[in-house]
N, C-alpha and C. Protein backbone atom coordinates (compact mmCIF):
# COMPACT_ATOMS: atom_id res chain seq x y z
N MET A 1 6.60 20.56 7.17
CA MET A 1 6.90 19.13 7.22
C MET A 1 5.98 18.46 8.23
N LYS A 2 5.51 17.30 7.88
CA LYS A 2 4.61 16.56 8.75
C LYS A 2 5.29 16.13 10.04
N LYS A 3 4.49 15.86 11.05
CA LYS A 3 5.00 15.33 12.31
C LYS A 3 5.57 13.93 12.05
N GLN A 4 6.74 13.70 12.58
CA GLN A 4 7.42 12.42 12.38
C GLN A 4 6.76 11.33 13.21
N VAL A 5 6.44 10.22 12.56
CA VAL A 5 5.95 9.04 13.26
C VAL A 5 7.19 8.24 13.66
N GLN A 6 7.37 8.03 14.95
CA GLN A 6 8.53 7.27 15.43
C GLN A 6 8.24 5.78 15.30
N ILE A 7 9.00 5.11 14.46
CA ILE A 7 8.81 3.69 14.21
C ILE A 7 10.08 2.94 14.62
N SER A 8 9.92 1.93 15.45
CA SER A 8 11.08 1.14 15.90
C SER A 8 11.55 0.24 14.75
N VAL A 9 12.70 -0.38 14.94
CA VAL A 9 13.25 -1.28 13.93
C VAL A 9 12.28 -2.43 13.66
N SER A 10 11.72 -3.00 14.70
CA SER A 10 10.76 -4.11 14.54
C SER A 10 9.49 -3.65 13.84
N GLU A 11 9.00 -2.49 14.22
CA GLU A 11 7.80 -1.96 13.58
C GLU A 11 8.06 -1.67 12.11
N TYR A 12 9.27 -1.22 11.79
CA TYR A 12 9.63 -0.95 10.40
C TYR A 12 9.57 -2.22 9.55
N GLU A 13 9.95 -3.35 10.13
CA GLU A 13 9.87 -4.63 9.41
C GLU A 13 8.42 -4.93 9.02
N VAL A 14 7.50 -4.66 9.93
CA VAL A 14 6.08 -4.87 9.64
C VAL A 14 5.60 -3.85 8.61
N MET A 15 6.04 -2.60 8.74
CA MET A 15 5.65 -1.57 7.78
C MET A 15 6.07 -1.93 6.37
N LYS A 16 7.27 -2.49 6.21
CA LYS A 16 7.74 -2.87 4.87
C LYS A 16 6.78 -3.87 4.23
N ILE A 17 6.26 -4.78 5.02
CA ILE A 17 5.30 -5.77 4.51
C ILE A 17 4.01 -5.08 4.09
N ILE A 18 3.54 -4.17 4.91
CA ILE A 18 2.28 -3.46 4.62
C ILE A 18 2.45 -2.57 3.39
N TRP A 19 3.60 -1.86 3.29
CA TRP A 19 3.83 -1.01 2.13
C TRP A 19 3.88 -1.83 0.84
N GLU A 20 4.42 -3.02 0.94
CA GLU A 20 4.58 -3.87 -0.24
C GLU A 20 3.24 -4.35 -0.79
N GLU A 21 2.31 -4.64 0.11
CA GLU A 21 1.04 -5.22 -0.31
C GLU A 21 -0.06 -4.82 0.66
N PHE A 22 -0.92 -3.93 0.22
CA PHE A 22 -2.05 -3.55 1.08
C PHE A 22 -3.28 -3.34 0.23
N PRO A 23 -4.48 -3.55 0.78
CA PRO A 23 -4.72 -3.99 2.16
C PRO A 23 -4.27 -5.43 2.35
N ILE A 24 -3.77 -5.71 3.54
CA ILE A 24 -3.23 -7.03 3.85
C ILE A 24 -3.74 -7.48 5.21
N SER A 25 -4.12 -8.75 5.29
CA SER A 25 -4.69 -9.28 6.52
C SER A 25 -3.61 -9.56 7.56
N THR A 26 -4.05 -9.64 8.78
CA THR A 26 -3.16 -9.99 9.88
C THR A 26 -2.46 -11.32 9.60
N ASN A 27 -3.22 -12.31 9.14
CA ASN A 27 -2.64 -13.62 8.86
C ASN A 27 -1.55 -13.55 7.80
N GLU A 28 -1.79 -12.78 6.75
CA GLU A 28 -0.79 -12.64 5.68
C GLU A 28 0.46 -11.94 6.19
N ILE A 29 0.28 -10.93 7.03
CA ILE A 29 1.43 -10.24 7.62
C ILE A 29 2.26 -11.23 8.42
N CYS A 30 1.60 -12.03 9.25
CA CYS A 30 2.31 -13.03 10.08
C CYS A 30 3.10 -14.00 9.20
N LYS A 31 2.53 -14.40 8.07
CA LYS A 31 3.20 -15.34 7.17
C LYS A 31 4.41 -14.70 6.49
N LYS A 32 4.36 -13.39 6.24
CA LYS A 32 5.41 -12.72 5.49
C LYS A 32 6.56 -12.19 6.34
N VAL A 33 6.42 -12.24 7.65
CA VAL A 33 7.51 -11.79 8.53
C VAL A 33 8.71 -12.71 8.30
N PRO A 34 9.88 -12.14 8.04
CA PRO A 34 11.06 -12.98 7.80
C PRO A 34 11.30 -13.98 8.94
N GLU A 35 11.64 -15.21 8.55
CA GLU A 35 11.83 -16.29 9.53
C GLU A 35 12.91 -15.99 10.55
N GLU A 36 13.94 -15.22 10.15
CA GLU A 36 15.03 -14.94 11.09
C GLU A 36 14.57 -14.17 12.32
N HIS A 37 13.42 -13.52 12.23
CA HIS A 37 12.90 -12.80 13.40
C HIS A 37 12.34 -13.76 14.44
N ASN A 38 11.82 -14.89 13.97
CA ASN A 38 11.27 -15.88 14.89
C ASN A 38 10.22 -15.26 15.82
N TRP A 39 9.36 -14.41 15.26
CA TRP A 39 8.33 -13.75 16.05
C TRP A 39 7.07 -14.61 16.09
N SER A 40 6.44 -14.63 17.24
CA SER A 40 5.15 -15.30 17.35
C SER A 40 4.08 -14.40 16.74
N ASP A 41 2.92 -14.98 16.48
CA ASP A 41 1.81 -14.19 15.96
C ASP A 41 1.43 -13.09 16.96
N LYS A 42 1.56 -13.39 18.23
CA LYS A 42 1.23 -12.40 19.27
C LYS A 42 2.16 -11.19 19.17
N THR A 43 3.43 -11.42 18.88
CA THR A 43 4.38 -10.32 18.72
C THR A 43 3.97 -9.45 17.55
N VAL A 44 3.60 -10.07 16.44
CA VAL A 44 3.17 -9.31 15.26
C VAL A 44 1.91 -8.51 15.59
N HIS A 45 0.97 -9.10 16.30
CA HIS A 45 -0.26 -8.39 16.71
C HIS A 45 0.10 -7.17 17.57
N THR A 46 1.06 -7.34 18.47
CA THR A 46 1.49 -6.23 19.32
C THR A 46 2.09 -5.11 18.47
N LEU A 47 2.92 -5.46 17.50
CA LEU A 47 3.53 -4.46 16.62
C LEU A 47 2.46 -3.74 15.80
N LEU A 48 1.47 -4.48 15.32
CA LEU A 48 0.37 -3.86 14.57
C LEU A 48 -0.42 -2.90 15.46
N SER A 49 -0.65 -3.28 16.70
CA SER A 49 -1.37 -2.40 17.64
C SER A 49 -0.58 -1.12 17.89
N ARG A 50 0.72 -1.25 18.06
CA ARG A 50 1.57 -0.06 18.28
C ARG A 50 1.56 0.86 17.08
N LEU A 51 1.68 0.28 15.88
CA LEU A 51 1.68 1.08 14.66
C LEU A 51 0.35 1.79 14.46
N THR A 52 -0.73 1.12 14.83
CA THR A 52 -2.06 1.73 14.73
C THR A 52 -2.17 2.90 15.72
N ALA A 53 -1.72 2.69 16.94
CA ALA A 53 -1.77 3.74 17.97
C ALA A 53 -0.92 4.95 17.59
N LYS A 54 0.17 4.72 16.87
CA LYS A 54 1.06 5.80 16.44
C LYS A 54 0.55 6.54 15.22
N GLY A 55 -0.48 6.00 14.58
CA GLY A 55 -1.02 6.65 13.39
C GLY A 55 -0.26 6.33 12.12
N ALA A 56 0.52 5.27 12.14
CA ALA A 56 1.27 4.86 10.95
C ALA A 56 0.43 3.99 10.03
N ILE A 57 -0.50 3.24 10.62
CA ILE A 57 -1.37 2.35 9.85
C ILE A 57 -2.80 2.46 10.39
N ASP A 58 -3.71 1.93 9.61
CA ASP A 58 -5.09 1.79 10.06
C ASP A 58 -5.59 0.46 9.52
N TYR A 59 -6.78 0.08 9.93
CA TYR A 59 -7.30 -1.20 9.49
C TYR A 59 -8.79 -1.10 9.22
N GLU A 60 -9.25 -2.10 8.48
CA GLU A 60 -10.68 -2.25 8.23
C GLU A 60 -11.02 -3.68 8.61
N GLN A 61 -12.08 -3.84 9.37
CA GLN A 61 -12.51 -5.17 9.77
C GLN A 61 -13.54 -5.68 8.78
N LYS A 62 -13.28 -6.88 8.26
CA LYS A 62 -14.22 -7.57 7.36
C LYS A 62 -14.48 -8.93 7.98
N GLY A 63 -15.66 -9.08 8.54
CA GLY A 63 -15.95 -10.32 9.26
C GLY A 63 -15.06 -10.40 10.49
N ARG A 64 -14.35 -11.50 10.61
CA ARG A 64 -13.44 -11.68 11.75
C ARG A 64 -12.01 -11.28 11.41
N MET A 65 -11.79 -10.82 10.18
CA MET A 65 -10.43 -10.52 9.71
C MET A 65 -10.18 -9.01 9.69
N TYR A 66 -8.95 -8.62 10.02
CA TYR A 66 -8.53 -7.22 9.96
C TYR A 66 -7.59 -7.07 8.77
N TYR A 67 -7.82 -6.00 7.99
CA TYR A 67 -6.98 -5.69 6.84
C TYR A 67 -6.33 -4.33 7.07
N TYR A 68 -5.01 -4.32 6.99
CA TYR A 68 -4.22 -3.12 7.30
C TYR A 68 -3.78 -2.39 6.06
N HIS A 69 -3.67 -1.06 6.20
CA HIS A 69 -3.13 -0.21 5.14
C HIS A 69 -2.34 0.92 5.80
N PRO A 70 -1.33 1.44 5.10
CA PRO A 70 -0.50 2.51 5.68
C PRO A 70 -1.21 3.86 5.64
N LEU A 71 -0.90 4.68 6.59
CA LEU A 71 -1.38 6.06 6.61
C LEU A 71 -0.27 7.02 6.19
N ILE A 72 0.95 6.49 6.04
CA ILE A 72 2.10 7.25 5.58
C ILE A 72 2.79 6.40 4.52
N SER A 73 3.16 7.01 3.42
CA SER A 73 3.83 6.24 2.36
C SER A 73 5.28 5.96 2.76
N GLN A 74 5.84 4.94 2.14
CA GLN A 74 7.23 4.60 2.42
C GLN A 74 8.15 5.76 2.03
N GLU A 75 7.88 6.38 0.89
CA GLU A 75 8.70 7.50 0.42
C GLU A 75 8.65 8.66 1.41
N GLU A 76 7.44 8.97 1.89
CA GLU A 76 7.27 10.06 2.84
C GLU A 76 8.00 9.75 4.15
N TYR A 77 7.86 8.51 4.63
CA TYR A 77 8.53 8.13 5.87
C TYR A 77 10.05 8.21 5.73
N LEU A 78 10.58 7.67 4.63
CA LEU A 78 12.03 7.69 4.42
C LEU A 78 12.55 9.11 4.27
N SER A 79 11.78 9.96 3.63
CA SER A 79 12.17 11.36 3.50
C SER A 79 12.27 12.03 4.87
N LEU A 80 11.28 11.80 5.72
CA LEU A 80 11.30 12.36 7.07
C LEU A 80 12.47 11.82 7.89
N GLU A 81 12.71 10.51 7.78
CA GLU A 81 13.83 9.89 8.50
C GLU A 81 15.17 10.44 8.00
N ASN A 82 15.30 10.60 6.69
CA ASN A 82 16.54 11.16 6.13
C ASN A 82 16.78 12.57 6.64
N HIS A 83 15.72 13.36 6.69
CA HIS A 83 15.83 14.74 7.19
C HIS A 83 16.30 14.74 8.65
N LEU A 84 15.69 13.89 9.47
CA LEU A 84 16.07 13.82 10.88
C LEU A 84 17.50 13.33 11.06
N PHE A 85 17.90 12.34 10.25
CA PHE A 85 19.27 11.83 10.31
C PHE A 85 20.27 12.93 9.96
N LEU A 86 20.01 13.63 8.88
CA LEU A 86 20.90 14.71 8.44
C LEU A 86 20.99 15.80 9.50
N LYS A 87 19.86 16.16 10.07
CA LYS A 87 19.82 17.20 11.11
C LYS A 87 20.56 16.75 12.38
N ARG A 88 20.31 15.51 12.79
CA ARG A 88 20.89 15.01 14.04
C ARG A 88 22.40 14.81 13.96
N PHE A 89 22.87 14.21 12.89
CA PHE A 89 24.28 13.84 12.82
C PHE A 89 25.15 14.83 12.05
N TYR A 90 24.56 15.65 11.21
CA TYR A 90 25.36 16.55 10.37
C TYR A 90 24.87 18.00 10.41
N GLY A 91 24.10 18.36 11.42
CA GLY A 91 23.64 19.73 11.56
C GLY A 91 22.79 20.20 10.40
N GLY A 92 22.18 19.25 9.69
CA GLY A 92 21.33 19.60 8.57
C GLY A 92 22.08 19.88 7.29
N GLU A 93 23.39 19.69 7.29
CA GLU A 93 24.20 19.99 6.11
C GLU A 93 24.59 18.70 5.39
N ALA A 94 24.31 18.66 4.11
CA ALA A 94 24.57 17.46 3.31
C ALA A 94 26.05 17.28 2.99
N ALA A 95 26.79 18.38 2.80
CA ALA A 95 28.19 18.28 2.38
C ALA A 95 29.05 17.46 3.36
N PRO A 96 28.95 17.69 4.69
CA PRO A 96 29.75 16.87 5.60
C PRO A 96 29.35 15.39 5.55
N MET A 97 28.07 15.12 5.34
CA MET A 97 27.63 13.73 5.24
C MET A 97 28.22 13.08 3.99
N LEU A 98 28.15 13.77 2.88
CA LEU A 98 28.71 13.22 1.64
C LEU A 98 30.21 13.04 1.75
N SER A 99 30.88 13.99 2.38
CA SER A 99 32.32 13.88 2.59
C SER A 99 32.66 12.65 3.41
N SER A 100 31.91 12.43 4.47
CA SER A 100 32.11 11.25 5.31
C SER A 100 31.85 9.97 4.52
N LEU A 101 30.79 9.97 3.75
CA LEU A 101 30.45 8.81 2.94
C LEU A 101 31.56 8.51 1.94
N LEU A 102 32.03 9.54 1.26
CA LEU A 102 33.05 9.34 0.23
C LEU A 102 34.38 8.90 0.81
N SER A 103 34.72 9.35 2.00
CA SER A 103 36.01 9.00 2.57
C SER A 103 36.00 7.68 3.33
N ASN A 104 34.82 7.24 3.78
CA ASN A 104 34.77 6.04 4.62
C ASN A 104 34.13 4.83 3.98
N ALA A 105 33.43 5.01 2.88
CA ALA A 105 32.70 3.89 2.28
C ALA A 105 33.51 3.27 1.14
N GLN A 106 33.25 2.01 0.91
CA GLN A 106 33.85 1.30 -0.22
C GLN A 106 32.91 1.46 -1.41
N LEU A 107 33.09 2.55 -2.15
CA LEU A 107 32.21 2.83 -3.28
C LEU A 107 32.79 2.25 -4.56
N THR A 108 31.92 1.66 -5.34
CA THR A 108 32.34 1.15 -6.65
C THR A 108 32.38 2.31 -7.63
N GLU A 109 32.95 2.06 -8.79
CA GLU A 109 32.98 3.09 -9.83
C GLU A 109 31.55 3.47 -10.23
N ASP A 110 30.66 2.48 -10.29
CA ASP A 110 29.26 2.76 -10.62
C ASP A 110 28.60 3.63 -9.54
N ASP A 111 28.92 3.37 -8.26
CA ASP A 111 28.38 4.20 -7.18
C ASP A 111 28.79 5.66 -7.37
N VAL A 112 30.07 5.88 -7.67
CA VAL A 112 30.59 7.23 -7.85
C VAL A 112 29.92 7.90 -9.06
N LYS A 113 29.76 7.15 -10.14
CA LYS A 113 29.10 7.70 -11.33
C LYS A 113 27.65 8.08 -11.02
N ASN A 114 26.95 7.23 -10.29
CA ASN A 114 25.57 7.52 -9.92
C ASN A 114 25.48 8.76 -9.03
N LEU A 115 26.40 8.89 -8.07
CA LEU A 115 26.42 10.08 -7.22
C LEU A 115 26.70 11.33 -8.06
N TYR A 116 27.63 11.22 -8.98
CA TYR A 116 27.95 12.34 -9.86
C TYR A 116 26.72 12.76 -10.66
N THR A 117 26.00 11.79 -11.21
CA THR A 117 24.80 12.09 -11.98
C THR A 117 23.75 12.77 -11.13
N LEU A 118 23.55 12.27 -9.92
CA LEU A 118 22.57 12.88 -9.01
C LEU A 118 22.94 14.33 -8.69
N LEU A 119 24.22 14.55 -8.37
CA LEU A 119 24.66 15.90 -8.03
C LEU A 119 24.59 16.83 -9.23
N SER A 120 24.98 16.35 -10.39
CA SER A 120 24.92 17.17 -11.61
C SER A 120 23.49 17.56 -11.93
N THR A 121 22.58 16.60 -11.80
CA THR A 121 21.16 16.87 -12.07
C THR A 121 20.64 17.92 -11.09
N LYS A 122 21.00 17.78 -9.84
CA LYS A 122 20.54 18.72 -8.80
C LYS A 122 21.10 20.11 -9.07
N MET A 123 22.38 20.18 -9.48
CA MET A 123 23.01 21.48 -9.76
C MET A 123 22.35 22.18 -10.94
N ASN A 124 21.83 21.42 -11.87
CA ASN A 124 21.19 21.99 -13.06
C ASN A 124 19.69 22.23 -12.85
N GLY A 125 19.25 22.11 -11.59
CA GLY A 125 17.87 22.44 -11.26
C GLY A 125 16.86 21.35 -11.53
N GLY A 126 17.35 20.19 -11.89
CA GLY A 126 16.43 19.08 -12.19
C GLY A 126 16.18 18.22 -10.99
N GLU A 127 15.21 17.39 -11.15
CA GLU A 127 14.91 16.40 -10.13
C GLU A 127 15.78 15.17 -10.36
N LYS A 128 15.74 14.24 -9.41
CA LYS A 128 16.52 13.03 -9.57
C LYS A 128 16.06 12.26 -10.80
N PRO A 129 17.01 11.59 -11.50
CA PRO A 129 16.65 10.89 -12.74
C PRO A 129 15.73 9.71 -12.50
């Protein structure tokens, strides 16, 4: 398993923008940051610098503009985060996590059917549908 890139909640917001559309300029990233964050352009630049230093993203300079692209895919990052979450909170065992989810969450009938399909597929040696 690859080394985990530690990304803060704020950095993750920027990563979502980059994963959605890359290569993407600094200006476009600043425009796409959700308004509820109320971040200045300087804050976004700081987050981009941190993500670059962590090896999560890289950039290419074209003229005076910087264009960013991810060095880790969203799927890969989420997989690593899920693994760490499962290990940290449930000792790496999925059954206690699913038990907690089923007993504490407000699941719809469709949610339960989808979970059943996922588990059935996994039990039969298949990949997720």
